[in-house]
Amino acid sequence: MSDLMSTDDALDLIAESLDTPTQAAGQLRALVEHPSPEVRMRALEALIDVEHPETVTTAARALGDPDALVRIAAIEVLTAQGR
């Protein structure tokens, strides 16, 4: 999904999901693999309050992202999740 979605469309999806991040968690986790660092970072930020084992796994993988802002967002998710 994420490699077919433009950056603008991905950012729109993230914005729409902010009111219901738990319901959108699967899509948000997939967007953490998007080619755009901004999309990856914002997807992680949207996951910050979604308590789910996959959220922690996704954030932990993002610690190896080449973009520093994505890694910072991953740390914020893990901190919020108590990890």
Protein backbone atom coordinates (compact mmCIF):
# COMPACT_ATOMS: atom_id res chain seq x y z
CA MET A 1 0.00 0.00 0.00
CA SER A 2 2.55 2.59 1.10
CA ASP A 3 4.71 2.39 -2.03
CA LEU A 4 1.64 3.08 -4.19
CA MET A 5 0.44 6.03 -2.13
CA SER A 6 1.78 9.51 -2.82
CA THR A 7 3.28 11.49 0.01
CA ASP A 8 0.35 13.93 -0.01
CA ASP A 9 -2.21 11.11 0.08
CA ALA A 10 -0.31 9.41 2.90
CA LEU A 11 -0.16 12.63 4.93
CA ASP A 12 -3.91 13.16 4.35
CA LEU A 13 -4.60 9.64 5.60
CA ILE A 14 -2.51 10.28 8.71
CA ALA A 15 -4.33 13.55 9.39
CA GLU A 16 -7.69 11.82 9.04
CA SER A 17 -6.65 9.06 11.41
CA LEU A 18 -5.62 11.33 14.27
CA ASP A 19 -9.11 11.24 15.76
CA THR A 20 -9.25 7.44 15.63
CA PRO A 21 -5.65 6.18 15.68
CA THR A 22 -6.55 2.81 17.17
CA GLN A 23 -8.87 2.00 14.27
CA ALA A 24 -6.28 3.24 11.75
CA ALA A 25 -3.32 1.56 13.44
CA GLY A 26 -2.75 -1.02 10.71
CA GLN A 27 -2.59 1.63 8.01
CA LEU A 28 -0.37 3.84 10.14
CA ARG A 29 2.04 0.98 10.83
CA ALA A 30 2.23 0.30 7.09
CA LEU A 31 3.02 3.98 6.43
CA VAL A 32 6.10 3.71 8.65
CA GLU A 33 7.60 1.92 5.62
CA HIS A 34 6.69 4.76 3.19
CA PRO A 35 9.54 6.14 1.03
CA SER A 36 9.01 9.67 2.44
CA PRO A 37 10.73 10.36 5.77
CA GLU A 38 8.03 12.91 6.61
CA VAL A 39 5.31 10.28 6.17
CA ARG A 40 7.24 7.77 8.28
CA MET A 41 7.75 10.33 11.05
CA ARG A 42 4.12 11.49 11.07
CA ALA A 43 2.82 7.92 11.01
CA LEU A 44 4.88 7.17 14.11
CA GLU A 45 3.66 10.34 15.80
CA ALA A 46 0.07 9.28 15.11
CA LEU A 47 0.77 5.88 16.71
CA ILE A 48 2.07 7.37 19.94
CA ASP A 49 -1.09 6.60 21.95
CA VAL A 50 -2.00 3.30 20.26
CA GLU A 51 -1.28 0.60 22.81
CA HIS A 52 -0.71 -2.53 20.77
CA PRO A 53 2.25 -4.95 20.60
CA GLU A 54 2.67 -4.21 16.89
CA THR A 55 3.08 -0.51 17.67
CA VAL A 56 6.11 -1.29 19.82
CA THR A 57 7.54 -3.62 17.17
CA THR A 58 7.03 -1.02 14.45
CA ALA A 59 8.67 1.72 16.52
CA ALA A 60 11.58 -0.54 17.44
CA ARG A 61 12.22 -1.27 13.75
CA ALA A 62 12.08 2.46 13.00
CA LEU A 63 15.04 3.01 15.34
CA GLY A 64 17.17 1.86 12.40
CA ASP A 65 15.64 4.36 9.97
CA PRO A 66 18.19 6.44 8.03
CA ASP A 67 16.33 9.67 8.91
CA ALA A 68 17.08 11.18 12.32
CA LEU A 69 13.59 12.67 12.74
CA VAL A 70 12.02 9.26 12.14
CA ARG A 71 14.32 7.74 14.77
CA ILE A 72 13.35 10.49 17.23
CA ALA A 73 9.65 9.80 16.58
CA ALA A 74 10.31 6.10 17.18
CA ILE A 75 11.96 6.90 20.52
CA GLU A 76 8.96 9.04 21.47
CA VAL A 77 6.57 6.17 20.67
CA LEU A 78 8.61 3.71 22.70
CA THR A 79 8.84 6.15 25.60
CA ALA A 80 5.08 6.73 25.54
CA GLN A 81 4.54 2.97 25.46
CA GLY A 82 6.75 2.59 28.54
CA ARG A 83 9.59 0.81 26.73
